[in-house]
């Protein structure tokens, strides 16, 4: 019999985890699995406190949103013998789950958790201290994911991000930065920057989604420069709203590592959680860093099947 550790964040999403917990446990039980339910909150120390205890499971299933997945992966990265991992996405936006092509159907994801093929995925490293599964970002809208109250997320879903994002959009401000990538150095004033491995950001399609391969050793750097005139700014906003990214102020680069130097302290978000305030930042990709059970449709390179 397989012993499953089910890490459950009951606050994720609209609280549907509580309503579906028996369904999940019953599914695994009918397939001769013993399931230990471990309630966790979104704070990292709730998962990290389990430490080596997680090594005792045959399979660890993370049940929650992007933040819960981040804390789970970050903890497993520190273990000598991490167990195989699976994911039941039940958050407000589930950006990474969208990238991984998980099903909207719970039982289908339970099937993937138990029988899906394990794949090695790339992982991001921020400041040689923190991991991120799919995105590190700064600038406009990045504070939204961790500043929006959970109740508002639950009630309004993606609309909560739009409403809260309008409060954070820096109409008259920009972020001066020097950026070093594999291709060279960029300098300028920016509204937004992200280093991601995702086809979805904030619940919306990423402009670099077609370029994303989850285990190619590179993430996608997306930069939105600050427009010089009000007319250019309005055109930029219209392009983003229409998901038309053919705009001279929008640029992306594929790279395995990069560093930022900011003129003033800048807040970063990592997988929707507050990542810290910095004036200097180094980010890099850890190729094939962690294993997770995935559906067959995930955008992967075939040779990295575990």
C-alpha atoms as a PDB file:
ATOM      1  CA  UNK A   1       0.000   0.000   0.000  1.00  0.00           C
ATOM      2  CA  UNK A   2       1.229   3.482  -0.872  1.00  0.00           C
ATOM      3  CA  UNK A   3       1.387   6.033   1.958  1.00  0.00           C
ATOM      4  CA  UNK A   4       0.346   9.488   0.753  1.00  0.00           C
ATOM      5  CA  UNK A   5       1.012  12.726   2.599  1.00  0.00           C
ATOM      6  CA  UNK A   6      -1.712  15.221   1.644  1.00  0.00           C
ATOM      7  CA  UNK A   7      -0.581  18.786   2.396  1.00  0.00           C
ATOM      8  CA  UNK A   8      -3.789  20.808   2.549  1.00  0.00           C
ATOM      9  CA  UNK A   9      -4.099  24.595   2.670  1.00  0.00           C
ATOM     10  CA  UNK A  10      -7.769  25.072   3.647  1.00  0.00           C
ATOM     11  CA  UNK A  11      -7.604  28.813   2.928  1.00  0.00           C
ATOM     12  CA  UNK A  12      -6.665  28.474  -0.728  1.00  0.00           C
ATOM     13  CA  UNK A  13      -9.133  29.425  -3.402  1.00  0.00           C
ATOM     14  CA  UNK A  14     -12.759  29.625  -2.386  1.00  0.00           C
ATOM     15  CA  UNK A  15     -12.394  27.190   0.484  1.00  0.00           C
ATOM     16  CA  UNK A  16     -13.539  24.284  -1.671  1.00  0.00           C
ATOM     17  CA  UNK A  17     -10.770  22.089  -0.283  1.00  0.00           C
ATOM     18  CA  UNK A  18     -12.787  21.480   2.889  1.00  0.00           C
ATOM     19  CA  UNK A  19     -15.802  20.456   0.807  1.00  0.00           C
ATOM     20  CA  UNK A  20     -13.789  18.080  -1.358  1.00  0.00           C
ATOM     21  CA  UNK A  21     -11.399  16.618   1.188  1.00  0.00           C
ATOM     22  CA  UNK A  22     -13.399  13.415   1.704  1.00  0.00           C
ATOM     23  CA  UNK A  23     -13.657  12.930  -2.080  1.00  0.00           C
ATOM     24  CA  UNK A  24      -9.870  13.155  -2.378  1.00  0.00           C
ATOM     25  CA  UNK A  25      -9.169  10.780   0.499  1.00  0.00           C
ATOM     26  CA  UNK A  26     -11.798   8.308  -0.729  1.00  0.00           C
ATOM     27  CA  UNK A  27     -10.275   8.320  -4.226  1.00  0.00           C
ATOM     28  CA  UNK A  28      -6.872   7.355  -2.863  1.00  0.00           C
ATOM     29  CA  UNK A  29      -8.366   4.855  -0.380  1.00  0.00           C
ATOM     30  CA  UNK A  30     -10.212   2.993  -3.137  1.00  0.00           C
ATOM     31  CA  UNK A  31      -6.881   2.561  -4.860  1.00  0.00           C
ATOM     32  CA  UNK A  32      -5.298   0.956  -1.790  1.00  0.00           C
ATOM     33  CA  UNK A  33      -3.531   4.073  -0.498  1.00  0.00           C
ATOM     34  CA  UNK A  34      -3.234   5.257   3.085  1.00  0.00           C
ATOM     35  CA  UNK A  35      -3.637   9.039   3.225  1.00  0.00           C
ATOM     36  CA  UNK A  36      -2.385  11.259   6.025  1.00  0.00           C
ATOM     37  CA  UNK A  37      -3.983  14.708   5.873  1.00  0.00           C
ATOM     38  CA  UNK A  38      -1.628  17.492   6.987  1.00  0.00           C
ATOM     39  CA  UNK A  39      -3.314  20.922   7.311  1.00  0.00           C
ATOM     40  CA  UNK A  40      -0.973  23.812   6.529  1.00  0.00           C
ATOM     41  CA  UNK A  41      -1.389  27.558   6.198  1.00  0.00           C
ATOM     42  CA  UNK A  42       0.247  29.748   3.543  1.00  0.00           C
ATOM     43  CA  UNK A  43       3.144  30.715   5.820  1.00  0.00           C
ATOM     44  CA  UNK A  44       6.357  28.940   4.787  1.00  0.00           C
ATOM     45  CA  UNK A  45       7.218  27.790   8.295  1.00  0.00           C
ATOM     46  CA  UNK A  46       4.024  25.709   8.435  1.00  0.00           C
ATOM     47  CA  UNK A  47       5.390  23.439   5.702  1.00  0.00           C
ATOM     48  CA  UNK A  48       9.066  23.771   6.589  1.00  0.00           C
ATOM     49  CA  UNK A  49       8.387  22.735  10.180  1.00  0.00           C
ATOM     50  CA  UNK A  50       7.551  19.243   8.908  1.00  0.00           C
ATOM     51  CA  UNK A  51      11.122  18.908   7.650  1.00  0.00           C
ATOM     52  CA  UNK A  52      12.413  15.358   7.392  1.00  0.00           C
ATOM     53  CA  UNK A  53       9.029  13.911   8.347  1.00  0.00           C
ATOM     54  CA  UNK A  54       8.029  14.380   4.712  1.00  0.00           C
ATOM     55  CA  UNK A  55      10.648  11.824   3.639  1.00  0.00           C
ATOM     56  CA  UNK A  56       8.559   9.046   5.200  1.00  0.00           C
ATOM     57  CA  UNK A  57       5.818   9.283   2.551  1.00  0.00           C
ATOM     58  CA  UNK A  58       5.725   7.340  -0.708  1.00  0.00           C
ATOM     59  CA  UNK A  59       4.031  10.296  -2.388  1.00  0.00           C
ATOM     60  CA  UNK A  60       3.508  13.884  -1.262  1.00  0.00           C
ATOM     61  CA  UNK A  61       0.452  15.636  -2.696  1.00  0.00           C
ATOM     62  CA  UNK A  62       0.244  19.418  -2.413  1.00  0.00           C
ATOM     63  CA  UNK A  63      -3.367  20.622  -2.298  1.00  0.00           C
ATOM     64  CA  UNK A  64      -3.674  24.401  -2.519  1.00  0.00           C
ATOM     65  CA  UNK A  65      -2.654  27.366  -4.660  1.00  0.00           C
ATOM     66  CA  UNK A  66       0.544  28.681  -6.202  1.00  0.00           C
ATOM     67  CA  UNK A  67       1.854  29.903  -2.833  1.00  0.00           C
ATOM     68  CA  UNK A  68       1.308  26.544  -1.159  1.00  0.00           C
ATOM     69  CA  UNK A  69       3.085  24.822  -4.038  1.00  0.00           C
ATOM     70  CA  UNK A  70       6.018  27.218  -3.646  1.00  0.00           C
ATOM     71  CA  UNK A  71       6.377  26.446   0.066  1.00  0.00           C
ATOM     72  CA  UNK A  72       6.132  22.705  -0.599  1.00  0.00           C
ATOM     73  CA  UNK A  73       8.752  22.669  -3.362  1.00  0.00           C
ATOM     74  CA  UNK A  74      11.044  24.957  -1.344  1.00  0.00           C
ATOM     75  CA  UNK A  75      10.877  22.506   1.562  1.00  0.00           C
ATOM     76  CA  UNK A  76      11.502  19.437  -0.597  1.00  0.00           C
ATOM     77  CA  UNK A  77      14.555  21.107  -2.137  1.00  0.00           C
ATOM     78  CA  UNK A  78      16.178  21.100   1.296  1.00  0.00           C
ATOM     79  CA  UNK A  79      15.613  17.386   1.963  1.00  0.00           C
ATOM     80  CA  UNK A  80      18.216  14.704   1.276  1.00  0.00           C
ATOM     81  CA  UNK A  81      15.634  12.160   0.141  1.00  0.00           C
ATOM     82  CA  UNK A  82      12.511  14.040  -1.006  1.00  0.00           C
ATOM     83  CA  UNK A  83       9.512  11.860  -1.851  1.00  0.00           C
ATOM     84  CA  UNK A  84       7.829  11.970  -5.263  1.00  0.00           C
ATOM     85  CA  UNK A  85       5.474  14.925  -5.523  1.00  0.00           C
ATOM     86  CA  UNK A  86       2.080  15.608  -7.059  1.00  0.00           C
ATOM     87  CA  UNK A  87      -0.234  18.626  -7.132  1.00  0.00           C
ATOM     88  CA  UNK A  88      -3.960  19.228  -6.726  1.00  0.00           C
ATOM     89  CA  UNK A  89      -4.404  22.900  -7.734  1.00  0.00           C
ATOM     90  CA  UNK A  90      -7.181  24.597  -5.749  1.00  0.00           C
ATOM     91  CA  UNK A  91      -6.081  28.244  -5.501  1.00  0.00           C
ATOM     92  CA  UNK A  92      -7.551  31.542  -6.683  1.00  0.00           C
ATOM     93  CA  UNK A  93      -5.680  31.768  -9.987  1.00  0.00           C
ATOM     94  CA  UNK A  94      -3.597  28.572 -10.306  1.00  0.00           C
ATOM     95  CA  UNK A  95      -1.160  30.139 -12.773  1.00  0.00           C
ATOM     96  CA  UNK A  96       1.348  27.318 -12.650  1.00  0.00           C
ATOM     97  CA  UNK A  97      -1.380  24.678 -12.815  1.00  0.00           C
ATOM     98  CA  UNK A  98      -2.601  26.317 -16.015  1.00  0.00           C
ATOM     99  CA  UNK A  99       0.911  26.145 -17.444  1.00  0.00           C
ATOM    100  CA  UNK A 100       1.146  22.479 -16.465  1.00  0.00           C
ATOM    101  CA  UNK A 101      -2.199  21.735 -18.172  1.00  0.00           C
ATOM    102  CA  UNK A 102      -3.880  20.293 -15.118  1.00  0.00           C
ATOM    103  CA  UNK A 103      -7.554  19.539 -15.545  1.00  0.00           C
ATOM    104  CA  UNK A 104     -10.327  21.685 -14.034  1.00  0.00           C
ATOM    105  CA  UNK A 105     -11.785  18.384 -12.784  1.00  0.00           C
ATOM    106  CA  UNK A 106     -10.654  17.320  -9.309  1.00  0.00           C
ATOM    107  CA  UNK A 107     -10.846  13.562  -9.873  1.00  0.00           C
ATOM    108  CA  UNK A 108      -8.860  13.866 -13.098  1.00  0.00           C
ATOM    109  CA  UNK A 109      -6.118  15.637 -11.148  1.00  0.00           C
ATOM    110  CA  UNK A 110      -6.282  12.935  -8.462  1.00  0.00           C
ATOM    111  CA  UNK A 111      -5.672  10.410 -11.233  1.00  0.00           C
ATOM    112  CA  UNK A 112      -2.671  12.423 -12.453  1.00  0.00           C
ATOM    113  CA  UNK A 113      -1.349  12.648  -8.890  1.00  0.00           C
ATOM    114  CA  UNK A 114      -1.433   8.889  -8.473  1.00  0.00           C
ATOM    115  CA  UNK A 115      -0.671   7.632 -11.993  1.00  0.00           C
ATOM    116  CA  UNK A 116       0.853  10.584 -13.855  1.00  0.00           C
ATOM    117  CA  UNK A 117       4.389  10.369 -15.150  1.00  0.00           C
ATOM    118  CA  UNK A 118       7.021  12.108 -12.999  1.00  0.00           C
ATOM    119  CA  UNK A 119       8.921  14.838 -14.831  1.00  0.00           C
ATOM    120  CA  UNK A 120      11.855  16.996 -13.836  1.00  0.00           C
ATOM    121  CA  UNK A 121      11.129  20.734 -13.994  1.00  0.00           C
ATOM    122  CA  UNK A 122      13.360  23.784 -13.850  1.00  0.00           C
ATOM    123  CA  UNK A 123      13.211  25.977 -10.751  1.00  0.00           C
ATOM    124  CA  UNK A 124      14.084  29.602 -10.137  1.00  0.00           C
ATOM    125  CA  UNK A 125      16.502  30.832  -7.470  1.00  0.00           C
ATOM    126  CA  UNK A 126      16.285  34.359  -6.040  1.00  0.00           C
ATOM    127  CA  UNK A 127      19.286  35.885  -4.241  1.00  0.00           C
ATOM    128  CA  UNK A 128      20.693  32.384  -3.687  1.00  0.00           C
ATOM    129  CA  UNK A 129      18.195  32.169  -0.819  1.00  0.00           C
ATOM    130  CA  UNK A 130      14.663  31.606  -2.070  1.00  0.00           C
ATOM    131  CA  UNK A 131      13.128  29.349  -4.682  1.00  0.00           C
ATOM    132  CA  UNK A 132      10.310  30.185  -7.062  1.00  0.00           C
ATOM    133  CA  UNK A 133       8.452  27.707  -9.231  1.00  0.00           C
ATOM    134  CA  UNK A 134       7.204  29.953 -11.998  1.00  0.00           C
ATOM    135  CA  UNK A 135       7.698  33.714 -11.526  1.00  0.00           C
ATOM    136  CA  UNK A 136       9.716  36.444  -9.852  1.00  0.00           C
ATOM    137  CA  UNK A 137       8.463  39.939 -10.667  1.00  0.00           C
ATOM    138  CA  UNK A 138       8.589  43.614  -9.753  1.00  0.00           C
ATOM    139  CA  UNK A 139       6.656  46.747 -10.665  1.00  0.00           C
ATOM    140  CA  UNK A 140       3.031  47.278 -11.675  1.00  0.00           C
ATOM    141  CA  UNK A 141       0.513  44.763 -10.322  1.00  0.00           C
ATOM    142  CA  UNK A 142       3.124  42.574  -8.611  1.00  0.00           C
ATOM    143  CA  UNK A 143       1.965  43.515  -5.106  1.00  0.00           C
ATOM    144  CA  UNK A 144      -1.583  42.522  -5.984  1.00  0.00           C
ATOM    145  CA  UNK A 145      -1.246  38.776  -5.371  1.00  0.00           C
ATOM    146  CA  UNK A 146      -0.059  39.152  -1.779  1.00  0.00           C
ATOM    147  CA  UNK A 147      -1.854  42.411  -0.886  1.00  0.00           C
ATOM    148  CA  UNK A 148      -5.339  41.360  -2.003  1.00  0.00           C
ATOM    149  CA  UNK A 149      -7.304  39.973   0.981  1.00  0.00           C
ATOM    150  CA  UNK A 150      -8.065  36.253   0.673  1.00  0.00           C
ATOM    151  CA  UNK A 151     -11.785  36.914   1.136  1.00  0.00           C
ATOM    152  CA  UNK A 152     -11.717  39.302  -1.814  1.00  0.00           C
ATOM    153  CA  UNK A 153      -9.909  36.724  -3.940  1.00  0.00           C
ATOM    154  CA  UNK A 154     -12.479  34.098  -2.972  1.00  0.00           C
ATOM    155  CA  UNK A 155     -15.454  36.318  -3.792  1.00  0.00           C
ATOM    156  CA  UNK A 156     -14.227  37.991  -6.968  1.00  0.00           C
ATOM    157  CA  UNK A 157     -11.589  35.630  -8.353  1.00  0.00           C
ATOM    158  CA  UNK A 158      -9.571  37.185 -11.188  1.00  0.00           C
ATOM    159  CA  UNK A 159     -11.567  40.416 -10.946  1.00  0.00           C
ATOM    160  CA  UNK A 160     -10.041  40.960  -7.503  1.00  0.00           C
ATOM    161  CA  UNK A 161      -6.622  41.170  -9.107  1.00  0.00           C
ATOM    162  CA  UNK A 162      -7.824  43.693 -11.666  1.00  0.00           C
ATOM    163  CA  UNK A 163      -9.532  45.914  -9.096  1.00  0.00           C
ATOM    164  CA  UNK A 164      -6.651  45.791  -6.676  1.00  0.00           C
ATOM    165  CA  UNK A 165      -4.137  46.169  -9.487  1.00  0.00           C
ATOM    166  CA  UNK A 166      -5.567  49.520 -10.493  1.00  0.00           C
ATOM    167  CA  UNK A 167      -4.553  50.832  -7.080  1.00  0.00           C
ATOM    168  CA  UNK A 168      -0.948  49.764  -7.646  1.00  0.00           C
ATOM    169  CA  UNK A 169      -0.440  50.801 -11.264  1.00  0.00           C
ATOM    170  CA  UNK A 170       2.267  53.512 -11.132  1.00  0.00           C
ATOM    171  CA  UNK A 171       0.874  56.004 -13.636  1.00  0.00           C
ATOM    172  CA  UNK A 172       3.510  58.654 -12.925  1.00  0.00           C
ATOM    173  CA  UNK A 173       6.384  56.562 -11.639  1.00  0.00           C
ATOM    174  CA  UNK A 174       8.899  54.149 -13.096  1.00  0.00           C
ATOM    175  CA  UNK A 175      11.707  51.923 -11.874  1.00  0.00           C
ATOM    176  CA  UNK A 176      15.223  52.701 -13.091  1.00  0.00           C
ATOM    177  CA  UNK A 177      17.266  49.544 -13.535  1.00  0.00           C
ATOM    178  CA  UNK A 178      20.356  48.056 -15.102  1.00  0.00           C
ATOM    179  CA  UNK A 179      19.831  44.427 -16.114  1.00  0.00           C
ATOM    180  CA  UNK A 180      22.537  41.924 -16.959  1.00  0.00           C
ATOM    181  CA  UNK A 181      21.443  38.838 -18.960  1.00  0.00           C
ATOM    182  CA  UNK A 182      23.075  36.132 -21.058  1.00  0.00           C
ATOM    183  CA  UNK A 183      22.739  38.509 -24.028  1.00  0.00           C
ATOM    184  CA  UNK A 184      24.294  41.586 -22.418  1.00  0.00           C
ATOM    185  CA  UNK A 185      23.243  44.639 -20.421  1.00  0.00           C
ATOM    186  CA  UNK A 186      19.973  46.572 -20.591  1.00  0.00           C
ATOM    187  CA  UNK A 187      19.319  49.911 -18.947  1.00  0.00           C
ATOM    188  CA  UNK A 188      16.134  51.920 -18.703  1.00  0.00           C
ATOM    189  CA  UNK A 189      13.026  52.925 -16.798  1.00  0.00           C
ATOM    190  CA  UNK A 190      10.465  50.166 -16.390  1.00  0.00           C
ATOM    191  CA  UNK A 191       6.865  49.744 -15.292  1.00  0.00           C
ATOM    192  CA  UNK A 192       7.155  45.988 -14.900  1.00  0.00           C
ATOM    193  CA  UNK A 193       9.629  43.146 -15.094  1.00  0.00           C
ATOM    194  CA  UNK A 194       9.273  39.395 -14.609  1.00  0.00           C
ATOM    195  CA  UNK A 195      11.466  36.314 -14.862  1.00  0.00           C
ATOM    196  CA  UNK A 196       9.063  33.446 -15.398  1.00  0.00           C
ATOM    197  CA  UNK A 197       8.495  29.892 -16.543  1.00  0.00           C
ATOM    198  CA  UNK A 198       4.760  30.155 -17.068  1.00  0.00           C
ATOM    199  CA  UNK A 199       2.144  30.549 -19.787  1.00  0.00           C
ATOM    200  CA  UNK A 200      -0.156  32.360 -17.342  1.00  0.00           C
ATOM    201  CA  UNK A 201       0.446  35.353 -15.069  1.00  0.00           C
ATOM    202  CA  UNK A 202      -2.223  36.608 -12.675  1.00  0.00           C
ATOM    203  CA  UNK A 203      -4.800  34.392 -14.332  1.00  0.00           C
ATOM    204  CA  UNK A 204      -4.180  35.855 -17.790  1.00  0.00           C
ATOM    205  CA  UNK A 205      -2.186  34.474 -20.745  1.00  0.00           C
ATOM    206  CA  UNK A 206       1.472  35.483 -20.696  1.00  0.00           C
ATOM    207  CA  UNK A 207       2.774  37.350 -23.766  1.00  0.00           C
ATOM    208  CA  UNK A 208       5.679  34.890 -23.877  1.00  0.00           C
ATOM    209  CA  UNK A 209       3.554  31.795 -23.345  1.00  0.00           C
ATOM    210  CA  UNK A 210       4.400  30.234 -26.718  1.00  0.00           C
ATOM    211  CA  UNK A 211       8.092  30.345 -25.875  1.00  0.00           C
ATOM    212  CA  UNK A 212       7.756  28.514 -22.569  1.00  0.00           C
ATOM    213  CA  UNK A 213       9.305  25.076 -22.133  1.00  0.00           C
ATOM    214  CA  UNK A 214       9.302  23.969 -18.516  1.00  0.00           C
ATOM    215  CA  UNK A 215      12.625  22.152 -18.562  1.00  0.00           C
ATOM    216  CA  UNK A 216      14.829  23.852 -21.155  1.00  0.00           C
ATOM    217  CA  UNK A 217      17.148  25.493 -18.620  1.00  0.00           C
ATOM    218  CA  UNK A 218      15.825  28.969 -19.388  1.00  0.00           C
ATOM    219  CA  UNK A 219      13.147  31.296 -18.074  1.00  0.00           C
ATOM    220  CA  UNK A 220      11.588  34.207 -19.954  1.00  0.00           C
ATOM    221  CA  UNK A 221      12.461  37.781 -18.972  1.00  0.00           C
ATOM    222  CA  UNK A 222       9.558  40.126 -19.755  1.00  0.00           C
ATOM    223  CA  UNK A 223      10.133  43.878 -19.528  1.00  0.00           C
ATOM    224  CA  UNK A 224       7.633  46.707 -19.976  1.00  0.00           C
ATOM    225  CA  UNK A 225       9.396  50.045 -20.342  1.00  0.00           C
ATOM    226  CA  UNK A 226       7.890  53.239 -18.987  1.00  0.00           C
ATOM    227  CA  UNK A 227       6.250  55.233 -21.829  1.00  0.00           C
ATOM    228  CA  UNK A 228       7.597  58.707 -22.418  1.00  0.00           C
ATOM    229  CA  UNK A 229       4.256  60.336 -23.271  1.00  0.00           C
ATOM    230  CA  UNK A 230       0.669  60.009 -22.064  1.00  0.00           C
ATOM    231  CA  UNK A 231      -0.388  58.925 -25.536  1.00  0.00           C
ATOM    232  CA  UNK A 232       2.201  56.133 -25.546  1.00  0.00           C
ATOM    233  CA  UNK A 233       1.064  55.108 -22.077  1.00  0.00           C
ATOM    234  CA  UNK A 234      -2.588  54.869 -23.192  1.00  0.00           C
ATOM    235  CA  UNK A 235      -1.563  52.866 -26.262  1.00  0.00           C
ATOM    236  CA  UNK A 236       0.441  50.503 -24.065  1.00  0.00           C
ATOM    237  CA  UNK A 237      -2.469  49.972 -21.668  1.00  0.00           C
ATOM    238  CA  UNK A 238      -4.790  49.325 -24.632  1.00  0.00           C
ATOM    239  CA  UNK A 239      -2.358  46.779 -26.109  1.00  0.00           C
ATOM    240  CA  UNK A 240      -2.063  44.911 -22.810  1.00  0.00           C
ATOM    241  CA  UNK A 241      -5.856  44.947 -22.313  1.00  0.00           C
ATOM    242  CA  UNK A 242      -6.304  43.468 -25.803  1.00  0.00           C
ATOM    243  CA  UNK A 243      -3.449  40.998 -25.270  1.00  0.00           C
ATOM    244  CA  UNK A 244      -1.661  42.549 -28.215  1.00  0.00           C
ATOM    245  CA  UNK A 245       1.993  42.584 -27.237  1.00  0.00           C
ATOM    246  CA  UNK A 246       3.405  44.004 -30.451  1.00  0.00           C
ATOM    247  CA  UNK A 247       4.438  47.210 -28.760  1.00  0.00           C
ATOM    248  CA  UNK A 248       7.897  48.848 -28.712  1.00  0.00           C
ATOM    249  CA  UNK A 249       7.664  49.204 -24.928  1.00  0.00           C
ATOM    250  CA  UNK A 250       7.284  45.435 -24.443  1.00  0.00           C
ATOM    251  CA  UNK A 251      10.274  43.139 -24.738  1.00  0.00           C
ATOM    252  CA  UNK A 252      11.225  39.624 -23.714  1.00  0.00           C
ATOM    253  CA  UNK A 253      14.472  37.656 -23.585  1.00  0.00           C
ATOM    254  CA  UNK A 254      15.132  33.992 -22.827  1.00  0.00           C
ATOM    255  CA  UNK A 255      17.985  33.599 -20.373  1.00  0.00           C
ATOM    256  CA  UNK A 256      19.330  31.214 -17.740  1.00  0.00           C
ATOM    257  CA  UNK A 257      20.431  33.905 -15.303  1.00  0.00           C
ATOM    258  CA  UNK A 258      20.234  37.649 -14.771  1.00  0.00           C
ATOM    259  CA  UNK A 259      20.944  40.362 -12.271  1.00  0.00           C
ATOM    260  CA  UNK A 260      19.230  43.656 -11.486  1.00  0.00           C
ATOM    261  CA  UNK A 261      20.668  46.865 -10.138  1.00  0.00           C
ATOM    262  CA  UNK A 262      18.008  49.391  -9.099  1.00  0.00           C
ATOM    263  CA  UNK A 263      18.370  53.089  -8.371  1.00  0.00           C
ATOM    264  CA  UNK A 264      15.979  52.720  -5.420  1.00  0.00           C
ATOM    265  CA  UNK A 265      14.697  49.789  -3.299  1.00  0.00           C
ATOM    266  CA  UNK A 266      12.238  47.591  -5.195  1.00  0.00           C
ATOM    267  CA  UNK A 267       9.747  44.977  -3.949  1.00  0.00           C
ATOM    268  CA  UNK A 268       9.750  41.542  -5.578  1.00  0.00           C
ATOM    269  CA  UNK A 269       7.021  38.939  -5.596  1.00  0.00           C
ATOM    270  CA  UNK A 270       7.847  35.214  -5.854  1.00  0.00           C
ATOM    271  CA  UNK A 271       5.034  32.916  -6.998  1.00  0.00           C
ATOM    272  CA  UNK A 272       2.499  35.430  -5.710  1.00  0.00           C
ATOM    273  CA  UNK A 273       4.151  35.826  -2.313  1.00  0.00           C
ATOM    274  CA  UNK A 274       6.205  38.774  -1.069  1.00  0.00           C
ATOM    275  CA  UNK A 275       9.854  38.014  -1.841  1.00  0.00           C
ATOM    276  CA  UNK A 276      11.654  40.972  -0.287  1.00  0.00           C
ATOM    277  CA  UNK A 277      12.862  44.522  -0.979  1.00  0.00           C
ATOM    278  CA  UNK A 278      16.189  44.877  -2.793  1.00  0.00           C
ATOM    279  CA  UNK A 279      18.433  47.280  -4.685  1.00  0.00           C
ATOM    280  CA  UNK A 280      20.543  44.449  -6.115  1.00  0.00           C
ATOM    281  CA  UNK A 281      19.052  41.123  -7.179  1.00  0.00           C
ATOM    282  CA  UNK A 282      20.455  37.979  -8.750  1.00  0.00           C
ATOM    283  CA  UNK A 283      18.222  35.323 -10.286  1.00  0.00           C
ATOM    284  CA  UNK A 284      19.055  32.065 -12.011  1.00  0.00           C
ATOM    285  CA  UNK A 285      17.510  28.857 -13.285  1.00  0.00           C
ATOM    286  CA  UNK A 286      18.242  25.511 -11.633  1.00  0.00           C
ATOM    287  CA  UNK A 287      17.735  23.014 -14.476  1.00  0.00           C
ATOM    288  CA  UNK A 288      15.726  19.854 -13.758  1.00  0.00           C
ATOM    289  CA  UNK A 289      15.533  20.748 -10.074  1.00  0.00           C
ATOM    290  CA  UNK A 290      12.427  18.945  -8.840  1.00  0.00           C
ATOM    291  CA  UNK A 291      10.146  16.117  -9.881  1.00  0.00           C
ATOM    292  CA  UNK A 292       6.370  16.311 -10.108  1.00  0.00           C
ATOM    293  CA  UNK A 293       3.634  14.094 -11.575  1.00  0.00           C
ATOM    294  CA  UNK A 294       2.188  15.805 -14.650  1.00  0.00           C
ATOM    295  CA  UNK A 295      -0.548  15.292 -17.230  1.00  0.00           C
ATOM    296  CA  UNK A 296       0.538  14.307 -20.718  1.00  0.00           C
ATOM    297  CA  UNK A 297      -0.215  17.753 -22.191  1.00  0.00           C
ATOM    298  CA  UNK A 298       2.400  19.652 -20.159  1.00  0.00           C
ATOM    299  CA  UNK A 299       4.837  21.665 -22.373  1.00  0.00           C
ATOM    300  CA  UNK A 300       7.983  19.586 -21.828  1.00  0.00           C
ATOM    301  CA  UNK A 301      10.992  18.360 -23.711  1.00  0.00           C
ATOM    302  CA  UNK A 302      10.578  14.628 -24.167  1.00  0.00           C
ATOM    303  CA  UNK A 303      14.056  13.595 -23.082  1.00  0.00           C
ATOM    304  CA  UNK A 304      13.577  14.765 -19.493  1.00  0.00           C
ATOM    305  CA  UNK A 305      11.073  12.100 -18.501  1.00  0.00           C
ATOM    306  CA  UNK A 306      12.220  10.663 -15.143  1.00  0.00           C
END
